Amino acid sequence: MPRSSQFRRLFNYGVILLLCLCCVQATRAASLQFASRTWDIRRSNSITGPGGNRFSNDSNHVWSDQAGLHLTIKKKGNFWFSTEVTLSETLGYGTYMFQTTSRQDILNANATFGAFTWDSFGDDPRIPAFPNREIDFEDSRWGNPSAPTSSQVVVQPYFVPGNLQNIALPDLSQDAALTRFFIWSPGRVQFFSLRGHHSPTNFPASAIIHQYDYVENLAINHIVPDPGRAKFHFNLWLNNNDVLPFPIGEQTVEVVINDFAYLPLAPVVLEGDFNSDGSVDAADLTQWQGDFGLNGNSDADGDGDSDGADLLAWQRNLGSVAPATAAVAVPEPSSLVCLLLTAVLSLQLRRSRALPIPT
């Protein structure tokens, strides 16, 4: 084959490869910066869930600026596109807070705004019907403009009684600011909806619109998922797309989230865990024996010293383990008695050594 033909063939292959790489690059999800974190933008030109929507990553549809993160439902060509972003990192147990400045009380009735956790691996064996570790705040009237409630909190599956709580957001015409957050811990999710913008650790009771404490109770099928690989999402989508594939009034819908914050769970402090290893066990008794009467390093009751009251705190909590700590063996009753007798004898010996010798 002439060299010129070989060159043309190689050149054509190179052009084809370059075009393929460009196409792959174009289909990758874009990302944006918001609240000092990276968020991946969903894109789908075909119908997909939730609600049978198309999702756009066009910068005219979803963007961030000084006002915050902007999500829209907006028409492009012949179709309406919804928007969704996903936090690029997995955070785990803790407090998830977001604030909005748009009128969530009068959100278009055919639109739903969601702020939620979702594990795309879907491998939670404790909730096989809903294995994606989904915990939601959702603002919507679900297609009914006259619905009395405009928001809800959910620990999926939603159909289990008590897993979903409806909320009637107040009139926000004077001040649209809202703060919502949930505190996710082992066996518990605490939801708060607040009027105004507040810290999740400092807010007046008068600001509370709604709060709900969801506690795991297997007897009534209330199950709190573990974090797994769940990530936090925001989305805005058409909830009645199969019947009405556009917002009521065919006007662009926009939600503005002005802030997002995450606070990890504070370490669990166990009374009697004198060596701070996350469990109350024999090692703590050994430390108490060394600290007794000398310092406050084995102080369980906050009185500044290590004494008999702290030993009682250790006894009450023997075998307790902090949630993030692996389980440890709990001494059998006979072992517990031996440990206590050893502690008492050690205490008596120390006291006898401290007494003056009679003359």
Protein backbone atom coordinates (compact mmCIF):
# COMPACT_ATOMS: atom_id res chain seq x y z
CA MET A 1 0.00 0.00 0.00
CA PRO A 2 1.43 3.47 -0.88
CA ARG A 3 2.56 5.52 2.07
CA SER A 4 0.10 8.28 1.18
CA SER A 5 -2.82 5.81 1.48
CA GLN A 6 -1.51 4.53 4.82
CA PHE A 7 -1.24 8.09 6.07
CA ARG A 8 -4.80 8.93 4.99
CA ARG A 9 -6.11 5.78 6.69
CA LEU A 10 -4.27 6.57 9.91
CA PHE A 11 -5.46 10.14 9.71
CA ASN A 12 -9.10 9.02 9.26
CA TYR A 13 -8.79 6.62 12.22
CA GLY A 14 -7.37 9.43 14.30
CA VAL A 15 -10.27 11.73 13.41
CA ILE A 16 -12.80 9.01 14.26
CA LEU A 17 -11.08 8.33 17.60
CA LEU A 18 -11.01 12.04 18.42
CA LEU A 19 -14.72 12.38 17.61
CA CYS A 20 -15.52 9.39 19.84
CA LEU A 21 -13.54 10.87 22.71
CA CYS A 22 -15.34 14.19 22.25
CA CYS A 23 -18.71 12.43 22.30
CA VAL A 24 -17.80 10.54 25.48
CA GLN A 25 -16.64 13.76 27.09
CA ALA A 26 -19.86 15.54 26.06
CA THR A 27 -22.04 12.87 27.70
CA ARG A 28 -20.23 13.02 31.03
CA ALA A 29 -22.12 14.80 33.77
CA ALA A 30 -20.98 18.36 34.38
CA SER A 31 -20.43 19.67 37.88
CA LEU A 32 -20.73 22.94 39.79
CA GLN A 33 -19.54 24.45 43.05
CA PHE A 34 -22.04 25.30 45.76
CA ALA A 35 -21.60 25.81 49.51
CA SER A 36 -17.87 25.04 49.12
CA ARG A 37 -18.63 21.56 47.79
CA THR A 38 -18.71 19.89 44.37
CA TRP A 39 -22.05 18.75 42.97
CA ASP A 40 -22.52 16.55 39.91
CA ILE A 41 -25.28 17.60 37.53
CA ARG A 42 -27.62 14.96 36.20
CA ARG A 43 -28.29 14.74 32.48
CA SER A 44 -30.82 12.60 30.61
CA ASN A 45 -32.40 13.30 27.23
CA SER A 46 -34.70 10.31 27.60
CA ILE A 47 -37.55 9.73 30.03
CA THR A 48 -36.39 8.52 33.43
CA GLY A 49 -37.38 8.62 37.09
CA PRO A 50 -38.61 10.21 39.17
CA GLY A 51 -41.87 11.02 37.46
CA GLY A 52 -40.80 10.25 33.91
CA ASN A 53 -38.67 13.34 33.38
CA ARG A 54 -35.81 14.53 31.20
CA PHE A 55 -32.93 16.17 33.06
CA SER A 56 -30.77 18.99 31.77
CA ASN A 57 -27.24 20.01 32.72
CA ASP A 58 -27.46 23.16 30.59
CA SER A 59 -26.02 26.14 32.49
CA ASN A 60 -29.20 28.05 31.67
CA HIS A 61 -31.21 25.41 33.53
CA VAL A 62 -29.04 24.72 36.60
CA TRP A 63 -26.30 26.96 37.99
CA SER A 64 -24.81 28.51 41.11
CA ASP A 65 -23.99 32.13 41.86
CA GLN A 66 -23.82 34.48 44.84
CA ALA A 67 -27.53 33.88 45.51
CA GLY A 68 -27.01 30.12 45.77
CA LEU A 69 -27.92 27.04 43.78
CA HIS A 70 -30.63 27.50 41.13
CA LEU A 71 -32.75 24.55 39.98
CA THR A 72 -35.36 24.95 37.26
CA ILE A 73 -38.00 23.17 35.26
CA LYS A 74 -37.56 24.82 31.89
CA LYS A 75 -38.50 24.23 28.27
CA LYS A 76 -35.86 23.55 25.67
CA GLY A 77 -36.96 22.83 22.13
CA ASN A 78 -40.06 20.64 22.26
CA PHE A 79 -39.52 19.31 25.78
CA TRP A 80 -39.55 20.44 29.40
CA PHE A 81 -36.44 19.53 31.38
CA SER A 82 -36.09 19.01 35.12
CA THR A 83 -32.84 19.42 37.08
CA GLU A 84 -30.94 17.51 39.75
CA VAL A 85 -27.55 17.72 41.45
CA THR A 86 -25.75 15.17 43.61
CA LEU A 87 -23.10 15.85 46.21
CA SER A 88 -19.87 14.26 44.98
CA GLU A 89 -18.97 12.82 48.40
CA THR A 90 -20.57 10.47 50.91
CA LEU A 91 -20.90 12.05 54.35
CA GLY A 92 -22.61 9.47 56.58
CA TYR A 93 -24.43 10.08 59.86
CA GLY A 94 -24.81 13.71 60.92
CA THR A 95 -26.86 16.86 60.41
CA TYR A 96 -27.88 17.82 56.86
CA MET A 97 -29.11 21.42 56.59
CA PHE A 98 -30.30 23.49 53.63
CA GLN A 99 -31.89 26.92 53.31
CA THR A 100 -34.14 28.30 50.57
CA THR A 101 -35.10 31.82 49.50
CA SER A 102 -37.75 31.00 46.89
CA ARG A 103 -41.50 30.81 47.62
CA GLN A 104 -41.78 27.15 48.56
CA ASP A 105 -45.30 27.75 49.91
CA ILE A 106 -46.61 28.48 46.40
CA LEU A 107 -44.45 26.12 44.37
CA ASN A 108 -46.10 25.14 41.07
CA ALA A 109 -48.55 22.32 41.85
CA ASN A 110 -47.13 20.10 39.12
CA ALA A 111 -43.58 20.46 40.46
CA THR A 112 -41.78 18.72 43.30
CA PHE A 113 -38.64 20.00 45.01
CA GLY A 114 -36.62 17.33 46.79
CA ALA A 115 -33.70 17.41 49.22
CA PHE A 116 -32.77 13.85 50.07
CA THR A 117 -30.26 11.07 50.56
CA TRP A 118 -29.98 8.33 47.97
CA ASP A 119 -27.67 5.33 47.65
CA SER A 120 -27.48 4.39 43.98
CA PHE A 121 -26.04 0.97 44.88
CA GLY A 122 -29.42 0.03 46.42
CA ASP A 123 -27.97 -2.66 48.68
CA ASP A 124 -29.65 -2.07 52.04
CA PRO A 125 -30.79 -5.58 53.06
CA ARG A 126 -32.93 -4.30 55.95
CA ILE A 127 -35.36 -2.49 53.62
CA PRO A 128 -35.53 -4.70 50.50
CA ALA A 129 -38.53 -2.85 49.03
CA PHE A 130 -36.67 0.51 49.28
CA PRO A 131 -32.96 -0.37 49.52
CA ASN A 132 -31.61 3.08 48.52
CA ARG A 133 -31.37 4.62 52.01
CA GLU A 134 -33.72 7.44 51.08
CA ILE A 135 -34.57 10.18 53.59
CA ASP A 136 -36.54 13.12 52.14
CA PHE A 137 -37.71 16.65 52.44
CA GLU A 138 -40.19 17.24 49.60
CA ASP A 139 -42.15 20.38 48.73
CA SER A 140 -45.15 19.65 46.52
CA ARG A 141 -48.91 19.70 46.18
CA TRP A 142 -48.69 16.69 43.87
CA GLY A 143 -50.76 18.17 41.05
CA ASN A 144 -53.54 19.58 43.26
CA PRO A 145 -53.27 23.41 43.62
CA SER A 146 -55.86 23.40 46.43
CA ALA A 147 -54.11 20.72 48.55
CA PRO A 148 -53.93 21.89 52.20
CA THR A 149 -50.35 20.69 52.69
CA SER A 150 -47.36 21.79 50.64
CA SER A 151 -44.44 19.82 52.08
CA GLN A 152 -43.55 16.52 53.70
CA VAL A 153 -40.76 14.56 55.38
CA VAL A 154 -40.25 10.88 54.66
CA VAL A 155 -38.17 7.93 55.73
CA GLN A 156 -38.78 5.45 52.92
CA PRO A 157 -40.83 3.40 52.33
CA TYR A 158 -43.47 6.14 52.41
CA PHE A 159 -46.45 3.77 52.64
CA VAL A 160 -45.56 2.48 56.13
CA PRO A 161 -47.75 4.36 58.66
CA GLY A 162 -45.72 7.01 60.41
CA ASN A 163 -42.95 7.10 57.80
CA LEU A 164 -44.42 10.19 56.10
CA GLN A 165 -45.44 13.43 57.81
CA ASN A 166 -47.33 16.15 55.90
CA ILE A 167 -46.51 19.82 56.53
CA ALA A 168 -48.47 22.98 55.73
CA LEU A 169 -45.88 25.67 55.04
CA PRO A 170 -46.99 29.12 56.25
CA ASP A 171 -47.54 32.16 54.03
CA LEU A 172 -44.04 33.26 53.01
CA SER A 173 -45.03 36.40 51.12
CA GLN A 174 -43.28 38.68 53.61
CA ASP A 175 -40.16 36.57 54.03
CA ALA A 176 -39.53 33.45 51.95
CA ALA A 177 -36.58 32.26 54.03
CA LEU A 178 -36.76 28.66 55.25
CA THR A 179 -34.29 26.39 57.02
CA ARG A 180 -34.72 22.64 56.94
CA PHE A 181 -32.49 19.96 58.40
CA PHE A 182 -32.46 16.42 59.68
CA ILE A 183 -30.16 14.79 62.19
CA TRP A 184 -29.37 11.22 61.10
CA SER A 185 -27.98 8.94 63.77
CA PRO A 186 -28.11 5.19 64.41
CA GLY A 187 -31.77 4.25 64.89
CA ARG A 188 -33.07 7.81 64.70
CA VAL A 189 -33.86 10.67 62.27
CA GLN A 190 -34.96 14.06 63.65
CA PHE A 191 -36.57 16.44 61.15
CA PHE A 192 -36.88 20.21 61.62
CA SER A 193 -38.57 22.83 59.41
CA LEU A 194 -37.87 26.40 60.50
CA ARG A 195 -39.11 29.78 59.38
CA GLY A 196 -36.18 32.08 58.59
CA HIS A 197 -32.50 31.28 58.24
CA HIS A 198 -30.96 29.74 61.35
CA SER A 199 -28.12 27.51 62.44
CA PRO A 200 -29.25 23.93 63.13
CA THR A 201 -27.54 24.22 66.51
CA ASN A 202 -29.06 27.57 67.54
CA PHE A 203 -32.60 28.66 66.69
CA PRO A 204 -35.59 30.04 68.61
CA ALA A 205 -38.50 27.73 69.38
CA SER A 206 -40.81 30.28 67.74
CA ALA A 207 -39.17 29.54 64.37
CA ILE A 208 -40.27 25.88 64.34
CA ILE A 209 -42.90 25.14 61.70
CA HIS A 210 -42.70 21.39 62.13
CA GLN A 211 -40.50 18.82 63.80
CA TYR A 212 -40.68 15.05 63.79
CA ASP A 213 -38.64 12.48 65.68
CA TYR A 214 -38.52 9.18 63.78
CA VAL A 215 -37.19 6.41 66.02
CA GLU A 216 -36.49 2.88 64.87
CA ASN A 217 -39.12 0.42 66.06
CA LEU A 218 -39.07 -2.96 64.34
CA ALA A 219 -42.45 -3.90 65.85
CA ILE A 220 -44.16 -1.31 63.59
CA ASN A 221 -41.69 -1.64 60.69
CA HIS A 222 -39.96 1.68 61.39
CA ILE A 223 -36.40 1.12 60.16
CA VAL A 224 -33.71 3.78 60.05
CA PRO A 225 -31.24 2.99 57.25
CA ASP A 226 -27.51 3.04 57.83
CA PRO A 227 -25.61 5.52 55.61
CA GLY A 228 -24.05 2.94 53.30
CA ARG A 229 -22.86 4.91 50.26
CA ALA A 230 -25.75 7.38 50.26
CA LYS A 231 -25.15 10.87 48.86
CA PHE A 232 -27.19 14.02 49.27
CA HIS A 233 -29.29 15.27 46.33
CA PHE A 234 -31.37 18.28 45.34
CA ASN A 235 -33.87 18.01 42.51
CA LEU A 236 -36.83 19.81 40.92
CA TRP A 237 -39.09 17.74 38.71
CA LEU A 238 -42.55 17.34 37.16
CA ASN A 239 -44.61 15.02 39.34
CA ASN A 240 -47.48 14.42 36.91
CA ASN A 241 -45.55 14.20 33.66
CA ASP A 242 -47.58 11.36 32.14
CA VAL A 243 -50.77 13.47 32.39
CA LEU A 244 -49.47 17.05 32.26
CA PRO A 245 -45.92 17.14 30.83
CA PHE A 246 -45.30 20.77 31.76
CA PRO A 247 -45.76 23.06 34.78
CA ILE A 248 -49.25 24.45 35.38
CA GLY A 249 -49.41 27.69 33.38
CA GLU A 250 -46.46 26.53 31.23
CA GLN A 251 -44.12 28.88 33.05
CA THR A 252 -40.54 28.16 34.09
CA VAL A 253 -40.29 26.97 37.71
CA GLU A 254 -37.27 27.93 39.81
CA VAL A 255 -36.10 27.03 43.31
CA VAL A 256 -33.14 28.80 44.93
CA ILE A 257 -31.17 27.02 47.67
CA ASN A 258 -28.95 29.63 49.27
CA ASP A 259 -26.97 27.36 51.59
CA PHE A 260 -26.15 23.76 52.49
CA ALA A 261 -24.21 22.53 55.52
CA TYR A 262 -23.23 19.22 57.06
CA LEU A 263 -22.25 18.63 60.69
CA PRO A 264 -20.86 15.22 61.68
CA LEU A 265 -22.30 13.56 64.77
CA ALA A 266 -20.64 14.61 67.99
CA PRO A 267 -18.70 11.76 69.60
CA VAL A 268 -20.82 9.77 72.03
CA VAL A 269 -19.51 10.19 75.57
CA LEU A 270 -20.17 7.14 77.69
CA GLU A 271 -20.16 7.43 81.47
CA GLY A 272 -17.46 5.12 82.74
CA ASP A 273 -15.44 5.14 79.48
CA PHE A 274 -12.43 6.55 81.30
CA ASN A 275 -9.93 5.74 78.55
CA SER A 276 -12.21 7.14 75.77
CA ASP A 277 -11.97 4.08 73.51
CA GLY A 278 -15.72 3.96 72.85
CA SER A 279 -16.58 1.14 75.23
CA VAL A 280 -17.02 0.66 78.97
CA ASP A 281 -15.01 -2.38 79.98
CA ALA A 282 -12.33 -3.79 82.29
CA ALA A 283 -9.69 -1.43 80.90
CA ASP A 284 -11.68 1.50 82.30
CA LEU A 285 -11.76 -0.12 85.74
CA THR A 286 -7.97 -0.46 85.61
CA GLN A 287 -7.66 3.22 84.78
CA TRP A 288 -10.06 4.19 87.58
CA GLN A 289 -7.97 2.21 90.06
CA GLY A 290 -4.88 4.16 88.99
CA ASP A 291 -6.67 7.51 89.13
CA PHE A 292 -8.62 7.00 92.38
CA GLY A 293 -8.00 9.78 94.84
CA LEU A 294 -5.18 11.24 92.75
CA ASN A 295 -6.76 13.15 89.87
CA GLY A 296 -9.92 13.67 87.81
CA ASN A 297 -8.96 11.49 84.83
CA SER A 298 -11.66 8.96 85.75
CA ASP A 299 -14.31 11.54 86.53
CA ALA A 300 -17.72 10.34 85.26
CA ASP A 301 -19.99 12.64 87.30
CA GLY A 302 -18.24 15.95 86.56
CA ASP A 303 -17.24 16.75 90.14
CA GLY A 304 -13.53 17.02 89.27
CA ASP A 305 -12.18 13.93 91.02
CA SER A 306 -12.01 10.15 90.66
CA ASP A 307 -13.91 8.51 93.49
CA GLY A 308 -16.48 5.86 94.39
CA ALA A 309 -19.30 7.65 92.56
CA ASP A 310 -17.34 7.28 89.33
CA LEU A 311 -16.95 3.56 89.98
CA LEU A 312 -20.75 3.31 90.27
CA ALA A 313 -21.09 5.08 86.90
CA TRP A 314 -18.70 2.53 85.40
CA GLN A 315 -20.75 -0.30 86.94
CA ARG A 316 -24.04 1.06 85.53
CA ASN A 317 -22.65 1.31 82.00
CA LEU A 318 -20.42 -1.75 81.89
CA GLY A 319 -20.69 -3.27 78.40
CA SER A 320 -21.96 -0.09 76.71
CA VAL A 321 -20.49 0.64 73.30
CA ALA A 322 -20.59 3.88 71.31
CA PRO A 323 -22.46 3.47 67.97
CA ALA A 324 -19.33 3.82 65.85
CA THR A 325 -17.38 1.31 67.96
CA ALA A 326 -17.30 -2.42 67.37
CA ALA A 327 -19.10 -4.58 69.91
CA VAL A 328 -17.10 -5.87 72.86
CA ALA A 329 -17.73 -8.81 75.11
CA VAL A 330 -19.78 -8.10 78.22
CA PRO A 331 -18.38 -9.81 81.33
CA GLU A 332 -20.43 -12.64 82.78
CA PRO A 333 -22.01 -11.89 86.20
CA SER A 334 -19.31 -13.91 87.98
CA SER A 335 -16.59 -11.93 86.22
CA LEU A 336 -18.31 -8.68 87.12
CA VAL A 337 -18.38 -9.66 90.79
CA CYS A 338 -14.67 -10.47 90.66
CA LEU A 339 -13.87 -7.14 89.05
CA LEU A 340 -15.88 -5.24 91.64
CA LEU A 341 -14.31 -7.18 94.53
CA THR A 342 -10.87 -6.46 93.10
CA ALA A 343 -11.71 -2.76 92.88
CA VAL A 344 -13.03 -2.63 96.45
CA LEU A 345 -10.02 -4.53 97.81
CA SER A 346 -7.66 -2.22 95.95
CA LEU A 347 -9.51 0.75 97.39
CA GLN A 348 -9.29 -0.63 100.93
CA LEU A 349 -5.58 -1.39 100.56
CA ARG A 350 -4.90 2.13 99.31
CA ARG A 351 -6.85 3.64 102.19
CA SER A 352 -5.04 1.42 104.76
CA ARG A 353 -1.67 2.49 103.39
CA ALA A 354 -2.70 6.11 103.76
CA LEU A 355 -3.58 5.71 107.48
CA PRO A 356 -0.93 6.53 110.10
CA ILE A 357 0.67 3.60 111.90
CA PRO A 358 -0.54 3.43 115.53
CA THR A 359 2.09 3.87 118.21
